[in-house]
C-alpha atoms as a PDB file:
ATOM      1  CA  MET A   1      18.780  25.921  42.494  1.00  0.00           C
ATOM      2  CA  MET A   2      18.321  25.865  38.692  1.00  0.00           C
ATOM      3  CA  LYS A   3      15.368  27.885  37.468  1.00  0.00           C
ATOM      4  CA  PRO A   4      12.653  25.794  35.711  1.00  0.00           C
ATOM      5  CA  ALA A   5      12.845  27.844  32.519  1.00  0.00           C
ATOM      6  CA  LEU A   6      16.627  27.386  32.233  1.00  0.00           C
ATOM      7  CA  PHE A   7      16.292  23.659  32.927  1.00  0.00           C
ATOM      8  CA  PHE A   8      13.698  23.406  30.141  1.00  0.00           C
ATOM      9  CA  LEU A   9      15.978  25.148  27.643  1.00  0.00           C
ATOM     10  CA  LEU A  10      18.915  22.901  28.536  1.00  0.00           C
ATOM     11  CA  ALA A  11      16.729  19.814  28.233  1.00  0.00           C
ATOM     12  CA  LEU A  12      15.498  20.994  24.855  1.00  0.00           C
ATOM     13  CA  GLY A  13      19.079  21.423  23.714  1.00  0.00           C
ATOM     14  CA  VAL A  14      20.021  17.915  24.847  1.00  0.00           C
ATOM     15  CA  SER A  15      16.946  16.522  23.077  1.00  0.00           C
ATOM     16  CA  SER A  16      17.934  18.281  19.858  1.00  0.00           C
ATOM     17  CA  LEU A  17      21.429  16.880  20.071  1.00  0.00           C
ATOM     18  CA  SER A  18      20.178  13.358  20.699  1.00  0.00           C
ATOM     19  CA  ALA A  19      17.948  13.597  17.606  1.00  0.00           C
ATOM     20  CA  ARG A  20      20.912  14.178  15.308  1.00  0.00           C
ATOM     21  CA  GLU A  21      21.647  11.367  12.902  1.00  0.00           C
ATOM     22  CA  TYR A  22      25.080  10.389  11.618  1.00  0.00           C
ATOM     23  CA  ARG A  23      26.149   7.929   8.966  1.00  0.00           C
ATOM     24  CA  ASP A  24      29.389   6.774   7.432  1.00  0.00           C
ATOM     25  CA  LEU A  25      29.007   7.727   3.762  1.00  0.00           C
ATOM     26  CA  THR A  26      31.108   6.099   1.047  1.00  0.00           C
ATOM     27  CA  ASN A  27      31.479   7.598  -2.407  1.00  0.00           C
ATOM     28  CA  LEU A  28      31.993   5.763  -5.691  1.00  0.00           C
ATOM     29  CA  ASP A  29      35.797   5.987  -5.252  1.00  0.00           C
ATOM     30  CA  GLY A  30      35.587   4.153  -1.929  1.00  0.00           C
ATOM     31  CA  VAL A  31      36.323   7.186   0.253  1.00  0.00           C
ATOM     32  CA  THR A  32      34.346   7.215   3.529  1.00  0.00           C
ATOM     33  CA  ILE A  33      33.405  10.157   5.737  1.00  0.00           C
ATOM     34  CA  LYS A  34      31.231  10.458   8.833  1.00  0.00           C
ATOM     35  CA  ALA A  35      28.508  13.051   8.324  1.00  0.00           C
ATOM     36  CA  GLU A  36      25.569  14.451  10.199  1.00  0.00           C
ATOM     37  CA  LEU A  37      22.491  14.030   7.980  1.00  0.00           C
ATOM     38  CA  LEU A  38      20.353  17.129   7.499  1.00  0.00           C
ATOM     39  CA  ASP A  39      18.183  16.824   4.395  1.00  0.00           C
ATOM     40  CA  LEU A  40      17.783  15.250   0.966  1.00  0.00           C
ATOM     41  CA  THR A  41      16.471  17.685  -1.628  1.00  0.00           C
ATOM     42  CA  ASP A  42      14.118  16.880  -4.497  1.00  0.00           C
ATOM     43  CA  ASP A  43      16.949  17.416  -6.990  1.00  0.00           C
ATOM     44  CA  GLY A  44      19.096  14.730  -5.335  1.00  0.00           C
ATOM     45  CA  MET A  45      21.447  16.795  -3.148  1.00  0.00           C
ATOM     46  CA  LEU A  46      22.257  15.485   0.319  1.00  0.00           C
ATOM     47  CA  LYS A  47      22.796  18.242   2.882  1.00  0.00           C
ATOM     48  CA  VAL A  48      25.198  17.277   5.669  1.00  0.00           C
ATOM     49  CA  ASN A  49      27.516  18.650   8.321  1.00  0.00           C
ATOM     50  CA  VAL A  50      31.064  17.318   8.388  1.00  0.00           C
ATOM     51  CA  ASN A  51      33.144  18.507  11.332  1.00  0.00           C
ATOM     52  CA  LEU A  52      30.431  21.136  11.956  1.00  0.00           C
ATOM     53  CA  LYS A  53      30.768  22.543   8.431  1.00  0.00           C
ATOM     54  CA  PRO A  54      27.843  22.373   5.952  1.00  0.00           C
ATOM     55  CA  PHE A  55      28.260  20.539   2.656  1.00  0.00           C
ATOM     56  CA  GLN A  56      26.046  19.348  -0.183  1.00  0.00           C
ATOM     57  CA  ILE A  57      26.787  15.957  -1.719  1.00  0.00           C
ATOM     58  CA  PRO A  58      25.168  14.666  -4.938  1.00  0.00           C
ATOM     59  CA  LEU A  59      23.292  11.514  -4.004  1.00  0.00           C
ATOM     60  CA  ALA A  60      24.441   9.879  -7.248  1.00  0.00           C
ATOM     61  CA  SER A  61      28.071  10.225  -6.142  1.00  0.00           C
ATOM     62  CA  LEU A  62      27.564   7.844  -3.214  1.00  0.00           C
ATOM     63  CA  SER A  63      27.602   4.058  -3.097  1.00  0.00           C
ATOM     64  CA  GLN A  64      24.414   2.263  -4.130  1.00  0.00           C
ATOM     65  CA  ALA A  65      23.936   1.009  -0.564  1.00  0.00           C
ATOM     66  CA  ASP A  66      24.095   4.583   0.744  1.00  0.00           C
ATOM     67  CA  GLN A  67      21.735   5.832  -1.964  1.00  0.00           C
ATOM     68  CA  ASP A  68      19.143   3.176  -1.138  1.00  0.00           C
ATOM     69  CA  TRP A  69      19.429   3.797   2.603  1.00  0.00           C
ATOM     70  CA  LEU A  70      19.198   7.565   2.262  1.00  0.00           C
ATOM     71  CA  ARG A  71      16.078   7.392   0.087  1.00  0.00           C
ATOM     72  CA  LEU A  72      14.390   5.307   2.775  1.00  0.00           C
ATOM     73  CA  TRP A  73      15.643   7.661   5.481  1.00  0.00           C
ATOM     74  CA  ASP A  74      14.212  10.650   3.624  1.00  0.00           C
ATOM     75  CA  LEU A  75      10.897   8.915   2.916  1.00  0.00           C
ATOM     76  CA  GLU A  76      10.469   7.919   6.550  1.00  0.00           C
ATOM     77  CA  ARG A  77      11.222  11.446   7.770  1.00  0.00           C
ATOM     78  CA  LYS A  78       8.768  13.075   5.371  1.00  0.00           C
ATOM     79  CA  GLN A  79       5.959  10.544   5.102  1.00  0.00           C
ATOM     80  CA  GLY A  80       6.320   8.275   8.132  1.00  0.00           C
ATOM     81  CA  LYS A  81       7.475   4.752   8.835  1.00  0.00           C
ATOM     82  CA  GLU A  82       4.646   3.033   6.984  1.00  0.00           C
ATOM     83  CA  ALA A  83       5.405   4.854   3.734  1.00  0.00           C
ATOM     84  CA  ALA A  84       9.050   3.893   4.123  1.00  0.00           C
ATOM     85  CA  TYR A  85       8.082   0.291   4.829  1.00  0.00           C
ATOM     86  CA  TYR A  86       6.208   0.009   1.509  1.00  0.00           C
ATOM     87  CA  SER A  87       8.898   1.698  -0.552  1.00  0.00           C
ATOM     88  CA  ARG A  88       9.698  -0.926  -3.204  1.00  0.00           C
ATOM     89  CA  VAL A  89       7.677  -0.138  -6.321  1.00  0.00           C
ATOM     90  CA  ILE A  90       6.303  -3.161  -8.162  1.00  0.00           C
ATOM     91  CA  PHE A  91       4.052  -1.368 -10.627  1.00  0.00           C
ATOM     92  CA  GLU A  92       2.723   2.125 -11.303  1.00  0.00           C
ATOM     93  CA  ASP A  93       0.355   3.541 -13.908  1.00  0.00           C
ATOM     94  CA  ASP A  94      -1.077   7.054 -14.091  1.00  0.00           C
ATOM     95  CA  PHE A  95      -2.969   6.187 -17.301  1.00  0.00           C
ATOM     96  CA  SER A  96      -1.506   9.202 -19.087  1.00  0.00           C
ATOM     97  CA  GLY A  97      -0.364   7.124 -22.057  1.00  0.00           C
ATOM     98  CA  GLY A  98      -3.820   6.747 -23.543  1.00  0.00           C
ATOM     99  CA  ALA A  99      -3.758   2.955 -23.187  1.00  0.00           C
ATOM    100  CA  PHE A 100      -3.114   0.326 -20.543  1.00  0.00           C
ATOM    101  CA  LYS A 101       0.545   0.201 -19.581  1.00  0.00           C
ATOM    102  CA  GLU A 102       2.315  -3.074 -20.336  1.00  0.00           C
ATOM    103  CA  GLY A 103       1.748  -5.512 -17.490  1.00  0.00           C
ATOM    104  CA  TRP A 104      -2.017  -5.220 -17.125  1.00  0.00           C
ATOM    105  CA  GLY A 105      -4.167  -8.312 -17.491  1.00  0.00           C
ATOM    106  CA  HIS A 106      -7.947  -8.428 -17.907  1.00  0.00           C
ATOM    107  CA  TYR A 107     -10.787 -10.849 -17.216  1.00  0.00           C
ATOM    108  CA  LYS A 108     -14.281 -10.229 -18.587  1.00  0.00           C
ATOM    109  CA  SER A 109     -13.448  -6.549 -18.611  1.00  0.00           C
ATOM    110  CA  GLY A 110     -14.671  -3.779 -20.845  1.00  0.00           C
ATOM    111  CA  SER A 111     -12.563  -1.183 -19.024  1.00  0.00           C
ATOM    112  CA  VAL A 112     -10.898   1.526 -21.093  1.00  0.00           C
ATOM    113  CA  ILE A 113      -8.491   4.429 -20.693  1.00  0.00           C
ATOM    114  CA  GLN A 114     -10.148   7.783 -21.397  1.00  0.00           C
ATOM    115  CA  ASP A 115      -8.825  11.290 -20.732  1.00  0.00           C
ATOM    116  CA  GLY A 116      -6.017   9.985 -18.554  1.00  0.00           C
ATOM    117  CA  VAL A 117      -8.121   7.790 -16.260  1.00  0.00           C
ATOM    118  CA  LEU A 118      -9.105   4.133 -16.125  1.00  0.00           C
ATOM    119  CA  VAL A 119     -12.850   3.801 -16.654  1.00  0.00           C
ATOM    120  CA  GLY A 120     -13.977   0.554 -15.057  1.00  0.00           C
ATOM    121  CA  ILE A 121     -16.650  -1.193 -17.117  1.00  0.00           C
ATOM    122  CA  THR A 122     -18.309  -4.553 -16.672  1.00  0.00           C
ATOM    123  CA  PRO A 123     -19.763  -5.494 -20.073  1.00  0.00           C
ATOM    124  CA  GLU A 124     -23.535  -5.594 -20.123  1.00  0.00           C
ATOM    125  CA  GLY A 125     -24.826  -9.113 -19.567  1.00  0.00           C
ATOM    126  CA  SER A 126     -21.494 -10.381 -18.180  1.00  0.00           C
ATOM    127  CA  ASP A 127     -21.634 -13.048 -15.490  1.00  0.00           C
ATOM    128  CA  HIS A 128     -18.599 -11.568 -13.710  1.00  0.00           C
ATOM    129  CA  SER A 129     -17.507  -8.087 -12.696  1.00  0.00           C
ATOM    130  CA  ALA A 130     -14.724  -6.507 -14.741  1.00  0.00           C
ATOM    131  CA  VAL A 131     -11.272  -7.484 -13.500  1.00  0.00           C
ATOM    132  CA  ASP A 132      -8.143  -5.501 -14.375  1.00  0.00           C
ATOM    133  CA  ASN A 133      -5.059  -6.951 -12.734  1.00  0.00           C
ATOM    134  CA  ILE A 134      -1.298  -6.970 -12.269  1.00  0.00           C
ATOM    135  CA  LYS A 135       0.737 -10.144 -11.737  1.00  0.00           C
ATOM    136  CA  PHE A 136       4.199 -10.254 -10.118  1.00  0.00           C
ATOM    137  CA  PRO A 137       6.450 -12.535  -8.032  1.00  0.00           C
ATOM    138  CA  GLY A 138       4.869 -13.350  -4.673  1.00  0.00           C
ATOM    139  CA  GLU A 139       5.094 -10.923  -1.758  1.00  0.00           C
ATOM    140  CA  GLN A 140       3.608 -11.086   1.723  1.00  0.00           C
ATOM    141  CA  ASP A 141       3.207  -7.412   2.663  1.00  0.00           C
ATOM    142  CA  LEU A 142       1.821  -5.111  -0.021  1.00  0.00           C
ATOM    143  CA  GLN A 143       0.409  -1.633  -0.442  1.00  0.00           C
ATOM    144  CA  VAL A 144      -2.068  -0.766  -3.175  1.00  0.00           C
ATOM    145  CA  GLU A 145      -2.878   2.889  -3.683  1.00  0.00           C
ATOM    146  CA  VAL A 146      -5.351   4.281  -6.196  1.00  0.00           C
ATOM    147  CA  LYS A 147      -7.345   7.443  -6.733  1.00  0.00           C
ATOM    148  CA  PHE A 148     -11.006   6.756  -7.467  1.00  0.00           C
ATOM    149  CA  ARG A 149     -14.351   8.405  -7.903  1.00  0.00           C
ATOM    150  CA  PHE A 150     -17.904   7.138  -8.129  1.00  0.00           C
ATOM    151  CA  VAL A 151     -19.366   8.933 -11.127  1.00  0.00           C
ATOM    152  CA  SER A 152     -23.079   8.225 -10.698  1.00  0.00           C
ATOM    153  CA  GLU A 153     -25.658   6.306  -8.693  1.00  0.00           C
ATOM    154  CA  ALA A 154     -24.983   3.333 -10.980  1.00  0.00           C
ATOM    155  CA  ALA A 155     -21.556   2.911  -9.363  1.00  0.00           C
ATOM    156  CA  LYS A 156     -22.093   0.311  -6.662  1.00  0.00           C
ATOM    157  CA  SER A 157     -18.558  -0.528  -5.478  1.00  0.00           C
ATOM    158  CA  PHE A 158     -15.112  -1.757  -6.441  1.00  0.00           C
ATOM    159  CA  ASN A 159     -12.749  -4.317  -4.968  1.00  0.00           C
ATOM    160  CA  VAL A 160      -9.016  -4.468  -4.498  1.00  0.00           C
ATOM    161  CA  TRP A 161      -8.119  -8.154  -4.493  1.00  0.00           C
ATOM    162  CA  PHE A 162      -4.889  -9.717  -3.240  1.00  0.00           C
ATOM    163  CA  ASP A 163      -4.566 -13.177  -4.838  1.00  0.00           C
ATOM    164  CA  ASP A 164      -2.201 -16.069  -5.400  1.00  0.00           C
ATOM    165  CA  LYS A 165      -3.199 -17.921  -8.551  1.00  0.00           C
ATOM    166  CA  ASP A 166      -0.884 -20.809  -7.603  1.00  0.00           C
ATOM    167  CA  TYR A 167      -2.771 -21.361  -4.357  1.00  0.00           C
ATOM    168  CA  LYS A 168      -5.357 -24.115  -4.795  1.00  0.00           C
ATOM    169  CA  GLY A 169      -7.006 -23.915  -1.388  1.00  0.00           C
ATOM    170  CA  ALA A 170      -9.296 -20.993  -2.290  1.00  0.00           C
ATOM    171  CA  HIS A 171     -11.502 -20.275  -5.282  1.00  0.00           C
ATOM    172  CA  ALA A 172      -9.508 -18.370  -7.942  1.00  0.00           C
ATOM    173  CA  GLY A 173      -6.587 -18.120  -5.508  1.00  0.00           C
ATOM    174  CA  HIS A 174      -8.344 -15.343  -3.592  1.00  0.00           C
ATOM    175  CA  ILE A 175      -6.477 -14.396  -0.396  1.00  0.00           C
ATOM    176  CA  CYS A 176      -8.030 -11.167   0.887  1.00  0.00           C
ATOM    177  CA  GLN A 177      -9.856  -8.107  -0.358  1.00  0.00           C
ATOM    178  CA  VAL A 178     -10.927  -4.549   0.324  1.00  0.00           C
ATOM    179  CA  THR A 179     -14.287  -3.426  -1.039  1.00  0.00           C
ATOM    180  CA  VAL A 180     -15.213   0.256  -1.244  1.00  0.00           C
ATOM    181  CA  SER A 181     -18.683   1.655  -1.833  1.00  0.00           C
ATOM    182  CA  PRO A 182     -19.988   5.192  -1.310  1.00  0.00           C
ATOM    183  CA  ALA A 183     -21.230   4.189   2.149  1.00  0.00           C
ATOM    184  CA  GLN A 184     -18.934   1.415   3.351  1.00  0.00           C
ATOM    185  CA  VAL A 185     -15.474  -0.122   3.411  1.00  0.00           C
ATOM    186  CA  GLN A 186     -15.307  -3.885   3.786  1.00  0.00           C
ATOM    187  CA  MET A 187     -12.187  -5.946   4.596  1.00  0.00           C
ATOM    188  CA  SER A 188     -12.279  -9.712   4.160  1.00  0.00           C
ATOM    189  CA  ASP A 189     -10.123 -12.791   4.607  1.00  0.00           C
ATOM    190  CA  ALA A 190     -11.052 -14.849   1.550  1.00  0.00           C
ATOM    191  CA  LYS A 191      -8.459 -17.589   2.034  1.00  0.00           C
ATOM    192  CA  THR A 192      -9.986 -18.941   5.241  1.00  0.00           C
ATOM    193  CA  GLY A 193     -13.378 -17.312   4.751  1.00  0.00           C
ATOM    194  CA  GLY A 194     -15.934 -17.171   1.974  1.00  0.00           C
ATOM    195  CA  PHE A 195     -13.680 -18.472  -0.810  1.00  0.00           C
ATOM    196  CA  THR A 196     -12.026 -21.385   0.981  1.00  0.00           C
ATOM    197  CA  LEU A 197     -12.444 -24.744  -0.727  1.00  0.00           C
ATOM    198  CA  GLU A 198     -11.914 -26.650   2.511  1.00  0.00           C
ATOM    199  CA  ASN A 199     -14.791 -29.031   3.253  1.00  0.00           C
ATOM    200  CA  GLY A 200     -16.570 -27.814   0.121  1.00  0.00           C
ATOM    201  CA  LEU A 201     -17.513 -24.589   1.896  1.00  0.00           C
ATOM    202  CA  TYR A 202     -17.295 -22.301  -1.147  1.00  0.00           C
ATOM    203  CA  ASP A 203     -19.592 -24.522  -3.242  1.00  0.00           C
ATOM    204  CA  ARG A 204     -22.044 -25.017  -0.388  1.00  0.00           C
ATOM    205  CA  LYS A 205     -22.139 -21.249   0.203  1.00  0.00           C
ATOM    206  CA  LYS A 206     -23.069 -20.710  -3.454  1.00  0.00           C
ATOM    207  CA  ALA A 207     -25.785 -23.334  -3.074  1.00  0.00           C
ATOM    208  CA  ASN A 208     -27.056 -21.725   0.155  1.00  0.00           C
ATOM    209  CA  GLN A 209     -26.357 -24.899   2.113  1.00  0.00           C
ATOM    210  CA  LEU A 210     -24.276 -23.522   4.996  1.00  0.00           C
ATOM    211  CA  THR A 211     -25.005 -24.351   8.609  1.00  0.00           C
ATOM    212  CA  ASP A 212     -25.649 -21.582  11.109  1.00  0.00           C
ATOM    213  CA  GLU A 213     -22.237 -22.257  12.647  1.00  0.00           C
ATOM    214  CA  GLU A 214     -20.542 -21.896   9.254  1.00  0.00           C
ATOM    215  CA  LYS A 215     -22.403 -18.666   8.565  1.00  0.00           C
ATOM    216  CA  LYS A 216     -21.217 -17.298  11.897  1.00  0.00           C
ATOM    217  CA  MET A 217     -17.651 -18.336  11.073  1.00  0.00           C
ATOM    218  CA  LEU A 218     -17.781 -16.586   7.698  1.00  0.00           C
ATOM    219  CA  GLU A 219     -19.135 -13.429   9.285  1.00  0.00           C
ATOM    220  CA  SER A 220     -16.063 -13.343  11.538  1.00  0.00           C
ATOM    221  CA  LYS A 221     -13.870 -13.254   8.408  1.00  0.00           C
ATOM    222  CA  THR A 222     -15.181  -9.831   7.353  1.00  0.00           C
ATOM    223  CA  LYS A 223     -15.222  -6.385   8.905  1.00  0.00           C
ATOM    224  CA  ARG A 224     -17.344  -3.475   7.674  1.00  0.00           C
ATOM    225  CA  VAL A 225     -16.928   0.182   8.537  1.00  0.00           C
ATOM    226  CA  PRO A 226     -19.189   3.058   7.440  1.00  0.00           C
ATOM    227  CA  VAL A 227     -17.861   5.872   5.253  1.00  0.00           C
ATOM    228  CA  LYS A 228     -19.454   8.722   3.338  1.00  0.00           C
ATOM    229  CA  LEU A 229     -17.957   9.338  -0.098  1.00  0.00           C
ATOM    230  CA  GLU A 230     -19.369  11.975  -2.404  1.00  0.00           C
ATOM    231  CA  LEU A 231     -20.214  11.174  -6.004  1.00  0.00           C
ATOM    232  CA  GLN A 232     -17.968  12.816  -8.609  1.00  0.00           C
ATOM    233  CA  LYS A 233     -15.297  13.644  -5.992  1.00  0.00           C
ATOM    234  CA  TRP A 234     -11.848  12.086  -6.273  1.00  0.00           C
ATOM    235  CA  HIS A 235     -10.661  10.117  -3.247  1.00  0.00           C
ATOM    236  CA  THR A 236      -7.510   8.106  -2.560  1.00  0.00           C
ATOM    237  CA  LEU A 237      -7.623   4.545  -1.272  1.00  0.00           C
ATOM    238  CA  THR A 238      -4.576   3.070   0.445  1.00  0.00           C
ATOM    239  CA  ALA A 239      -4.927  -0.651   1.176  1.00  0.00           C
ATOM    240  CA  ARG A 240      -2.093  -2.377   3.026  1.00  0.00           C
ATOM    241  CA  THR A 241      -1.452  -5.915   4.151  1.00  0.00           C
ATOM    242  CA  LYS A 242       1.071  -6.408   6.936  1.00  0.00           C
ATOM    243  CA  GLY A 243       1.325  -9.819   8.546  1.00  0.00           C
ATOM    244  CA  ASP A 244      -2.229 -10.958   9.257  1.00  0.00           C
ATOM    245  CA  THR A 245      -3.750  -7.471   9.147  1.00  0.00           C
ATOM    246  CA  ILE A 246      -5.383  -5.333   6.471  1.00  0.00           C
ATOM    247  CA  PHE A 247      -5.124  -1.570   6.945  1.00  0.00           C
ATOM    248  CA  VAL A 248      -7.308   0.846   4.962  1.00  0.00           C
ATOM    249  CA  LEU A 249      -6.898   4.596   4.606  1.00  0.00           C
ATOM    250  CA  ILE A 250      -9.199   6.946   2.695  1.00  0.00           C
ATOM    251  CA  ASP A 251      -7.646  10.275   1.725  1.00  0.00           C
ATOM    252  CA  GLY A 252      -4.772   9.598   4.107  1.00  0.00           C
ATOM    253  CA  LYS A 253      -7.015   9.024   7.137  1.00  0.00           C
ATOM    254  CA  GLU A 254      -7.452   5.655   8.822  1.00  0.00           C
ATOM    255  CA  ALA A 255     -10.738   4.062   7.799  1.00  0.00           C
ATOM    256  CA  GLY A 256     -10.300   0.699   9.481  1.00  0.00           C
ATOM    257  CA  GLU A 257      -8.201  -2.395  10.029  1.00  0.00           C
ATOM    258  CA  PHE A 258      -8.941  -6.082  10.239  1.00  0.00           C
ATOM    259  CA  SER A 259      -6.860  -9.062  11.349  1.00  0.00           C
ATOM    260  CA  SER A 260      -7.388 -12.661  10.224  1.00  0.00           C
ATOM    261  CA  GLU A 261      -5.031 -15.570   9.655  1.00  0.00           C
ATOM    262  CA  GLY A 262      -5.518 -15.838   5.892  1.00  0.00           C
ATOM    263  CA  VAL A 263      -4.254 -12.304   5.309  1.00  0.00           C
ATOM    264  CA  ALA A 264      -0.762 -13.463   6.308  1.00  0.00           C
ATOM    265  CA  HIS A 265      -0.469 -15.612   3.165  1.00  0.00           C
ATOM    266  CA  ALA A 266       3.171 -15.317   2.133  1.00  0.00           C
ATOM    267  CA  THR A 267       2.930 -15.198  -1.668  1.00  0.00           C
ATOM    268  CA  LYS A 268       0.341 -12.699  -2.813  1.00  0.00           C
ATOM    269  CA  SER A 269       1.205 -12.438  -6.502  1.00  0.00           C
ATOM    270  CA  LEU A 270      -1.742 -10.763  -8.205  1.00  0.00           C
ATOM    271  CA  VAL A 271      -3.577  -7.519  -7.440  1.00  0.00           C
ATOM    272  CA  SER A 272      -6.881  -6.716  -9.127  1.00  0.00           C
ATOM    273  CA  LEU A 273      -9.257  -3.820  -9.465  1.00  0.00           C
ATOM    274  CA  THR A 274     -12.760  -5.255  -9.819  1.00  0.00           C
ATOM    275  CA  THR A 275     -15.495  -2.843 -10.891  1.00  0.00           C
ATOM    276  CA  ASN A 276     -19.030  -3.573  -9.700  1.00  0.00           C
ATOM    277  CA  ALA A 277     -20.362  -2.759 -12.256  1.00  0.00           C
ATOM    278  CA  VAL A 278     -19.810   0.603 -13.982  1.00  0.00           C
ATOM    279  CA  ASP A 279     -19.156   4.309 -13.410  1.00  0.00           C
ATOM    280  CA  VAL A 280     -16.036   3.936 -11.274  1.00  0.00           C
ATOM    281  CA  HIS A 281     -12.994   5.880 -12.457  1.00  0.00           C
ATOM    282  CA  TYR A 282      -9.409   5.234 -11.323  1.00  0.00           C
ATOM    283  CA  ASP A 283      -6.144   7.146 -11.515  1.00  0.00           C
ATOM    284  CA  ASP A 284      -2.570   7.019 -10.146  1.00  0.00           C
ATOM    285  CA  PHE A 285      -2.564   3.288  -9.433  1.00  0.00           C
ATOM    286  CA  SER A 286       0.439   1.725  -7.681  1.00  0.00           C
ATOM    287  CA  VAL A 287       1.490  -1.537  -6.069  1.00  0.00           C
ATOM    288  CA  LYS A 288       4.383  -1.437  -3.616  1.00  0.00           C
ATOM    289  CA  ALA A 289       6.079  -4.121  -1.552  1.00  0.00           C
ATOM    290  CA  ALA A 290       7.847  -3.994   1.766  1.00  0.00           C
ATOM    291  CA  ALA A 291      11.488  -3.054   1.912  1.00  0.00           C
ATOM    292  CA  LYS A 292      13.759  -3.822   4.812  1.00  0.00           C
ATOM    293  CA  PRO A 293      12.606  -1.622   7.708  1.00  0.00           C
ATOM    294  CA  LEU A 294      14.885   1.386   7.937  1.00  0.00           C
ATOM    295  CA  SER A 295      15.191   1.126  11.725  1.00  0.00           C
ATOM    296  CA  ALA A 296      16.878  -2.268  11.373  1.00  0.00           C
ATOM    297  CA  ALA A 297      19.716  -0.795   9.329  1.00  0.00           C
ATOM    298  CA  ARG A 298      19.996   2.634  10.932  1.00  0.00           C
ATOM    299  CA  PRO A 299      23.110   3.425  12.948  1.00  0.00           C
ATOM    300  CA  ALA A 300      22.556   4.716  16.448  1.00  0.00           C
ATOM    301  CA  ALA A 301      22.072   8.481  16.650  1.00  0.00           C
ATOM    302  CA  ARG A 302      24.717  10.433  18.489  1.00  0.00           C
END
């Protein structure tokens, strides 16, 4: 009878073998080899085994299809499937250039770039919070990531808006939003909730003319979760839309999620930072879209 310890070691060995990943790699000359994938280094060298012998292959020497696949493979291994899913960069700005990077738009905004950060400012007396936005071709699933800090007690909150300015069924094309304050994260479906123009609901809400049933419906379009964020401390917000669900992470930890039909809108084409009203600083802003899931293109492990 096999001893339990020996059985465990054999099982561990089989598990390790089954976790190996192989891929047919083609270089720029059209030559193809089958290799066991080991690692992709920061300087662009792919470590592989070929016929049980170790080799290093410059990533740039491989076909574009292999390069794209391997970057996703490496990202998924190191940061998880969700990071790999949102791997197509639409826009990035670390505000190190001393001015807004080309591509930013503004609405009633007094925001400025100072000392390498975006200082969100709603001009005094303005009838609308400062909006600083990025417009791009429509995407359904998006990830917005931004570092932020609330500088003083005057900092009330900020919003990340996902909009479609070509959509006429909601005020200002609002689709969904994430609102962050020092004490709360709020996730909302604006398209079928508080900003819908259907049956004049948005205008009647502004005029405080909603029925109790409508108020109850609108409440179901928002979810609030408590948080505790220190003033002056930098935090990182990750806001994702995937299908009909909003996912929010603060400093890499899950803060909450919320599902509602409007979130699934297929052509979100504008992302905004809205500062309510002052003393919110931002850094390392990015918008990423979904790439083809790596698992759908991955060859079976041997």
